Amino acid sequence: MAFQPQNEDPLLTPAEVAAMFRVNPKTVTRWSRKGQLTAVRTLGGHRRFRASEVARCVEAMAMESHS
């Protein structure tokens, strides 16, 4: 029996998130340290971000800019 992850939400690298927000990857890391984005740590200690949470943040920012 193969291991099935319970949460099928894809994980994104800081660079992928940065491209979505059009910011530097270091900014994404800073947001994570401040608690503005939730990061999941890999076994190697790298940050990964849930695609669904990032999408919600992108939508929220888009809504703010249209207000």
PDB file of N, CA and C in Angstrom:
ATOM      1  N   MET A   1       0.837  -1.178   0.000  1.00  0.00           N
ATOM      2  CA  MET A   1       0.000   0.000   0.000  1.00  0.00           C
ATOM      3  C   MET A   1       0.890   1.252   0.000  1.00  0.00           C
ATOM      4  N   ALA A   2       0.678   2.121  -0.967  1.00  0.00           N
ATOM      5  CA  ALA A   2       1.475   3.345  -1.096  1.00  0.00           C
ATOM      6  C   ALA A   2       0.955   4.416  -0.144  1.00  0.00           C
ATOM      7  N   PHE A   3       1.867   5.264   0.294  1.00  0.00           N
ATOM      8  CA  PHE A   3       1.490   6.370   1.174  1.00  0.00           C
ATOM      9  C   PHE A   3       0.692   7.400   0.393  1.00  0.00           C
ATOM     10  N   GLN A   4      -0.469   7.767   0.902  1.00  0.00           N
ATOM     11  CA  GLN A   4      -1.320   8.778   0.276  1.00  0.00           C
ATOM     12  C   GLN A   4      -1.342  10.005   1.178  1.00  0.00           C
ATOM     13  N   PRO A   5      -0.815  11.137   0.708  1.00  0.00           N
ATOM     14  CA  PRO A   5      -0.901  12.328   1.548  1.00  0.00           C
ATOM     15  C   PRO A   5      -2.357  12.703   1.778  1.00  0.00           C
ATOM     16  N   GLN A   6      -2.673  13.115   3.009  1.00  0.00           N
ATOM     17  CA  GLN A   6      -4.051  13.455   3.318  1.00  0.00           C
ATOM     18  C   GLN A   6      -4.461  14.753   2.650  1.00  0.00           C
ATOM     19  N   ASN A   7      -3.551  15.658   2.511  1.00  0.00           N
ATOM     20  CA  ASN A   7      -3.870  16.941   1.901  1.00  0.00           C
ATOM     21  C   ASN A   7      -3.227  16.981   0.519  1.00  0.00           C
ATOM     22  N   GLU A   8      -4.026  16.998  -0.517  1.00  0.00           N
ATOM     23  CA  GLU A   8      -3.527  16.962  -1.888  1.00  0.00           C
ATOM     24  C   GLU A   8      -3.140  18.349  -2.395  1.00  0.00           C
ATOM     25  N   ASP A   9      -3.142  19.357  -1.525  1.00  0.00           N
ATOM     26  CA  ASP A   9      -2.823  20.727  -1.890  1.00  0.00           C
ATOM     27  C   ASP A   9      -1.349  20.811  -2.306  1.00  0.00           C
ATOM     28  N   PRO A  10      -1.064  21.239  -3.533  1.00  0.00           N
ATOM     29  CA  PRO A  10       0.334  21.328  -3.965  1.00  0.00           C
ATOM     30  C   PRO A  10       1.118  22.319  -3.119  1.00  0.00           C
ATOM     31  N   LEU A  11       2.403  22.048  -2.973  1.00  0.00           N
ATOM     32  CA  LEU A  11       3.286  22.947  -2.241  1.00  0.00           C
ATOM     33  C   LEU A  11       4.129  23.738  -3.233  1.00  0.00           C
ATOM     34  N   LEU A  12       4.283  25.018  -2.961  1.00  0.00           N
ATOM     35  CA  LEU A  12       5.030  25.918  -3.832  1.00  0.00           C
ATOM     36  C   LEU A  12       6.317  26.366  -3.154  1.00  0.00           C
ATOM     37  N   THR A  13       7.336  26.581  -3.959  1.00  0.00           N
ATOM     38  CA  THR A  13       8.602  27.098  -3.435  1.00  0.00           C
ATOM     39  C   THR A  13       8.484  28.607  -3.235  1.00  0.00           C
ATOM     40  N   PRO A  14       9.379  29.186  -2.439  1.00  0.00           N
ATOM     41  CA  PRO A  14       9.368  30.651  -2.296  1.00  0.00           C
ATOM     42  C   PRO A  14       9.489  31.373  -3.642  1.00  0.00           C
ATOM     43  N   ALA A  15      10.262  30.827  -4.563  1.00  0.00           N
ATOM     44  CA  ALA A  15      10.416  31.458  -5.884  1.00  0.00           C
ATOM     45  C   ALA A  15       9.104  31.447  -6.661  1.00  0.00           C
ATOM     46  N   GLU A  16       8.352  30.352  -6.572  1.00  0.00           N
ATOM     47  CA  GLU A  16       7.062  30.276  -7.264  1.00  0.00           C
ATOM     48  C   GLU A  16       6.057  31.266  -6.671  1.00  0.00           C
ATOM     49  N   VAL A  17       6.055  31.365  -5.342  1.00  0.00           N
ATOM     50  CA  VAL A  17       5.154  32.319  -4.675  1.00  0.00           C
ATOM     51  C   VAL A  17       5.560  33.740  -5.047  1.00  0.00           C
ATOM     52  N   ALA A  18       6.858  34.006  -5.041  1.00  0.00           N
ATOM     53  CA  ALA A  18       7.360  35.343  -5.378  1.00  0.00           C
ATOM     54  C   ALA A  18       6.933  35.746  -6.786  1.00  0.00           C
ATOM     55  N   ALA A  19       6.957  34.817  -7.712  1.00  0.00           N
ATOM     56  CA  ALA A  19       6.546  35.112  -9.089  1.00  0.00           C
ATOM     57  C   ALA A  19       5.064  35.488  -9.137  1.00  0.00           C
ATOM     58  N   MET A  20       4.246  34.845  -8.313  1.00  0.00           N
ATOM     59  CA  MET A  20       2.813  35.139  -8.291  1.00  0.00           C
ATOM     60  C   MET A  20       2.537  36.546  -7.760  1.00  0.00           C
ATOM     61  N   PHE A  21       3.338  36.970  -6.780  1.00  0.00           N
ATOM     62  CA  PHE A  21       3.156  38.289  -6.174  1.00  0.00           C
ATOM     63  C   PHE A  21       4.032  39.365  -6.820  1.00  0.00           C
ATOM     64  N   ARG A  22       4.901  38.927  -7.725  1.00  0.00           N
ATOM     65  CA  ARG A  22       5.863  39.825  -8.373  1.00  0.00           C
ATOM     66  C   ARG A  22       6.759  40.532  -7.349  1.00  0.00           C
ATOM     67  N   VAL A  23       7.305  39.712  -6.435  1.00  0.00           N
ATOM     68  CA  VAL A  23       8.241  40.205  -5.435  1.00  0.00           C
ATOM     69  C   VAL A  23       9.466  39.297  -5.421  1.00  0.00           C
ATOM     70  N   ASN A  24      10.458  39.676  -4.655  1.00  0.00           N
ATOM     71  CA  ASN A  24      11.668  38.875  -4.502  1.00  0.00           C
ATOM     72  C   ASN A  24      11.375  37.682  -3.585  1.00  0.00           C
ATOM     73  N   PRO A  25      11.977  36.518  -3.829  1.00  0.00           N
ATOM     74  CA  PRO A  25      11.767  35.364  -2.943  1.00  0.00           C
ATOM     75  C   PRO A  25      12.111  35.654  -1.479  1.00  0.00           C
ATOM     76  N   LYS A  26      13.066  36.539  -1.234  1.00  0.00           N
ATOM     77  CA  LYS A  26      13.408  36.907   0.152  1.00  0.00           C
ATOM     78  C   LYS A  26      12.221  37.585   0.841  1.00  0.00           C
ATOM     79  N   THR A  27      11.415  38.307   0.082  1.00  0.00           N
ATOM     80  CA  THR A  27      10.222  38.949   0.637  1.00  0.00           C
ATOM     81  C   THR A  27       9.236  37.888   1.105  1.00  0.00           C
ATOM     82  N   VAL A  28       9.086  36.832   0.337  1.00  0.00           N
ATOM     83  CA  VAL A  28       8.185  35.731   0.711  1.00  0.00           C
ATOM     84  C   VAL A  28       8.678  35.091   2.006  1.00  0.00           C
ATOM     85  N   THR A  29       9.971  34.894   2.137  1.00  0.00           N
ATOM     86  CA  THR A  29      10.551  34.336   3.357  1.00  0.00           C
ATOM     87  C   THR A  29      10.281  35.267   4.539  1.00  0.00           C
ATOM     88  N   ARG A  30      10.407  36.548   4.317  1.00  0.00           N
ATOM     89  CA  ARG A  30      10.140  37.542   5.369  1.00  0.00           C
ATOM     90  C   ARG A  30       8.669  37.466   5.811  1.00  0.00           C
ATOM     91  N   TRP A  31       7.757  37.372   4.846  1.00  0.00           N
ATOM     92  CA  TRP A  31       6.328  37.239   5.162  1.00  0.00           C
ATOM     93  C   TRP A  31       6.090  36.000   6.021  1.00  0.00           C
ATOM     94  N   SER A  32       6.785  34.929   5.691  1.00  0.00           N
ATOM     95  CA  SER A  32       6.637  33.686   6.447  1.00  0.00           C
ATOM     96  C   SER A  32       7.125  33.864   7.882  1.00  0.00           C
ATOM     97  N   ARG A  33       8.263  34.507   8.057  1.00  0.00           N
ATOM     98  CA  ARG A  33       8.791  34.744   9.404  1.00  0.00           C
ATOM     99  C   ARG A  33       7.849  35.608  10.236  1.00  0.00           C
ATOM    100  N   LYS A  34       7.176  36.565   9.588  1.00  0.00           N
ATOM    101  CA  LYS A  34       6.238  37.451  10.280  1.00  0.00           C
ATOM    102  C   LYS A  34       4.886  36.785  10.544  1.00  0.00           C
ATOM    103  N   GLY A  35       4.658  35.618   9.935  1.00  0.00           N
ATOM    104  CA  GLY A  35       3.385  34.927  10.119  1.00  0.00           C
ATOM    105  C   GLY A  35       2.310  35.343   9.128  1.00  0.00           C
ATOM    106  N   GLN A  36       2.688  36.102   8.097  1.00  0.00           N
ATOM    107  CA  GLN A  36       1.712  36.535   7.106  1.00  0.00           C
ATOM    108  C   GLN A  36       1.372  35.428   6.124  1.00  0.00           C
ATOM    109  N   LEU A  37       2.279  34.494   5.935  1.00  0.00           N
ATOM    110  CA  LEU A  37       2.055  33.293   5.115  1.00  0.00           C
ATOM    111  C   LEU A  37       2.530  32.104   5.938  1.00  0.00           C
ATOM    112  N   THR A  38       1.772  31.027   5.897  1.00  0.00           N
ATOM    113  CA  THR A  38       2.146  29.824   6.634  1.00  0.00           C
ATOM    114  C   THR A  38       3.050  28.961   5.773  1.00  0.00           C
ATOM    115  N   ALA A  39       4.203  28.600   6.319  1.00  0.00           N
ATOM    116  CA  ALA A  39       5.143  27.749   5.596  1.00  0.00           C
ATOM    117  C   ALA A  39       5.161  26.353   6.200  1.00  0.00           C
ATOM    118  N   VAL A  40       5.347  25.386   5.331  1.00  0.00           N
ATOM    119  CA  VAL A  40       5.568  24.001   5.737  1.00  0.00           C
ATOM    120  C   VAL A  40       7.059  23.765   5.516  1.00  0.00           C
ATOM    121  N   ARG A  41       7.710  23.127   6.468  1.00  0.00           N
ATOM    122  CA  ARG A  41       9.140  22.857   6.314  1.00  0.00           C
ATOM    123  C   ARG A  41       9.362  21.458   5.754  1.00  0.00           C
ATOM    124  N   THR A  42      10.280  21.359   4.787  1.00  0.00           N
ATOM    125  CA  THR A  42      10.647  20.054   4.243  1.00  0.00           C
ATOM    126  C   THR A  42      11.622  19.385   5.205  1.00  0.00           C
ATOM    127  N   LEU A  43      11.954  18.150   4.952  1.00  0.00           N
ATOM    128  CA  LEU A  43      12.931  17.449   5.788  1.00  0.00           C
ATOM    129  C   LEU A  43      14.278  18.166   5.766  1.00  0.00           C
ATOM    130  N   GLY A  44      14.579  18.835   4.669  1.00  0.00           N
ATOM    131  CA  GLY A  44      15.838  19.575   4.547  1.00  0.00           C
ATOM    132  C   GLY A  44      15.768  20.978   5.131  1.00  0.00           C
ATOM    133  N   GLY A  45      14.604  21.361   5.666  1.00  0.00           N
ATOM    134  CA  GLY A  45      14.459  22.664   6.298  1.00  0.00           C
ATOM    135  C   GLY A  45      14.019  23.783   5.373  1.00  0.00           C
ATOM    136  N   HIS A  46      13.672  23.440   4.139  1.00  0.00           N
ATOM    137  CA  HIS A  46      13.243  24.458   3.184  1.00  0.00           C
ATOM    138  C   HIS A  46      11.768  24.790   3.381  1.00  0.00           C
ATOM    139  N   ARG A  47      11.417  26.029   3.094  1.00  0.00           N
ATOM    140  CA  ARG A  47      10.015  26.447   3.224  1.00  0.00           C
ATOM    141  C   ARG A  47       9.238  26.095   1.956  1.00  0.00           C
ATOM    142  N   ARG A  48       8.024  25.631   2.157  1.00  0.00           N
ATOM    143  CA  ARG A  48       7.084  25.405   1.068  1.00  0.00           C
ATOM    144  C   ARG A  48       5.750  25.997   1.503  1.00  0.00           C
ATOM    145  N   PHE A  49       4.989  26.473   0.540  1.00  0.00           N
ATOM    146  CA  PHE A  49       3.738  27.159   0.826  1.00  0.00           C
ATOM    147  C   PHE A  49       2.589  26.451   0.131  1.00  0.00           C
ATOM    148  N   ARG A  50       1.473  26.306   0.837  1.00  0.00           N
ATOM    149  CA  ARG A  50       0.297  25.634   0.269  1.00  0.00           C
ATOM    150  C   ARG A  50      -0.317  26.518  -0.814  1.00  0.00           C
ATOM    151  N   ALA A  51      -0.540  25.918  -1.975  1.00  0.00           N
ATOM    152  CA  ALA A  51      -1.062  26.655  -3.128  1.00  0.00           C
ATOM    153  C   ALA A  51      -2.407  27.307  -2.821  1.00  0.00           C
ATOM    154  N   SER A  52      -3.259  26.621  -2.062  1.00  0.00           N
ATOM    155  CA  SER A  52      -4.588  27.180  -1.768  1.00  0.00           C
ATOM    156  C   SER A  52      -4.481  28.444  -0.913  1.00  0.00           C
ATOM    157  N   GLU A  53      -3.572  28.461   0.052  1.00  0.00           N
ATOM    158  CA  GLU A  53      -3.395  29.644   0.901  1.00  0.00           C
ATOM    159  C   GLU A  53      -2.828  30.802   0.085  1.00  0.00           C
ATOM    160  N   VAL A  54      -1.872  30.508  -0.774  1.00  0.00           N
ATOM    161  CA  VAL A  54      -1.273  31.545  -1.619  1.00  0.00           C
ATOM    162  C   VAL A  54      -2.339  32.132  -2.545  1.00  0.00           C
ATOM    163  N   ALA A  55      -3.181  31.271  -3.122  1.00  0.00           N
ATOM    164  CA  ALA A  55      -4.240  31.744  -4.018  1.00  0.00           C
ATOM    165  C   ALA A  55      -5.205  32.668  -3.283  1.00  0.00           C
ATOM    166  N   ARG A  56      -5.544  32.315  -2.033  1.00  0.00           N
ATOM    167  CA  ARG A  56      -6.427  33.182  -1.233  1.00  0.00           C
ATOM    168  C   ARG A  56      -5.773  34.541  -0.991  1.00  0.00           C
ATOM    169  N   CYS A  57      -4.481  34.557  -0.712  1.00  0.00           N
ATOM    170  CA  CYS A  57      -3.762  35.820  -0.482  1.00  0.00           C
ATOM    171  C   CYS A  57      -3.713  36.668  -1.747  1.00  0.00           C
ATOM    172  N   VAL A  58      -3.500  36.031  -2.888  1.00  0.00           N
ATOM    173  CA  VAL A  58      -3.476  36.756  -4.165  1.00  0.00           C
ATOM    174  C   VAL A  58      -4.845  37.381  -4.411  1.00  0.00           C
ATOM    175  N   GLU A  59      -5.912  36.612  -4.173  1.00  0.00           N
ATOM    176  CA  GLU A  59      -7.278  37.132  -4.350  1.00  0.00           C
ATOM    177  C   GLU A  59      -7.545  38.295  -3.418  1.00  0.00           C
ATOM    178  N   ALA A  60      -7.130  38.172  -2.161  1.00  0.00           N
ATOM    179  CA  ALA A  60      -7.358  39.242  -1.187  1.00  0.00           C
ATOM    180  C   ALA A  60      -6.636  40.519  -1.591  1.00  0.00           C
ATOM    181  N   MET A  61      -5.427  40.372  -2.096  1.00  0.00           N
ATOM    182  CA  MET A  61      -4.668  41.542  -2.537  1.00  0.00           C
ATOM    183  C   MET A  61      -5.324  42.179  -3.756  1.00  0.00           C
ATOM    184  N   ALA A  62      -5.863  41.358  -4.645  1.00  0.00           N
ATOM    185  CA  ALA A  62      -6.543  41.875  -5.839  1.00  0.00           C
ATOM    186  C   ALA A  62      -7.795  42.634  -5.436  1.00  0.00           C
ATOM    187  N   MET A  63      -8.525  42.113  -4.442  1.00  0.00           N
ATOM    188  CA  MET A  63      -9.737  42.783  -3.965  1.00  0.00           C
ATOM    189  C   MET A  63      -9.391  44.137  -3.332  1.00  0.00           C
ATOM    190  N   GLU A  64      -8.277  44.171  -2.571  1.00  0.00           N
ATOM    191  CA  GLU A  64      -7.844  45.415  -1.933  1.00  0.00           C
ATOM    192  C   GLU A  64      -7.482  46.470  -2.961  1.00  0.00           C
ATOM    193  N   SER A  65      -6.831  46.048  -4.033  1.00  0.00           N
ATOM    194  CA  SER A  65      -6.389  47.012  -5.040  1.00  0.00           C
ATOM    195  C   SER A  65      -7.559  47.577  -5.851  1.00  0.00           C
ATOM    196  N   HIS A  66      -8.673  46.840  -5.898  1.00  0.00           N
ATOM    197  CA  HIS A  66      -9.847  47.319  -6.629  1.00  0.00           C
ATOM    198  C   HIS A  66     -10.765  48.193  -5.762  1.00  0.00           C
ATOM    199  N   SER A  67     -10.475  48.275  -4.482  1.00  0.00           N
ATOM    200  CA  SER A  67     -11.317  49.077  -3.563  1.00  0.00           C
ATOM    201  C   SER A  67     -10.995  50.549  -3.640  1.00  0.00           C
TER     202      SER A  67
END
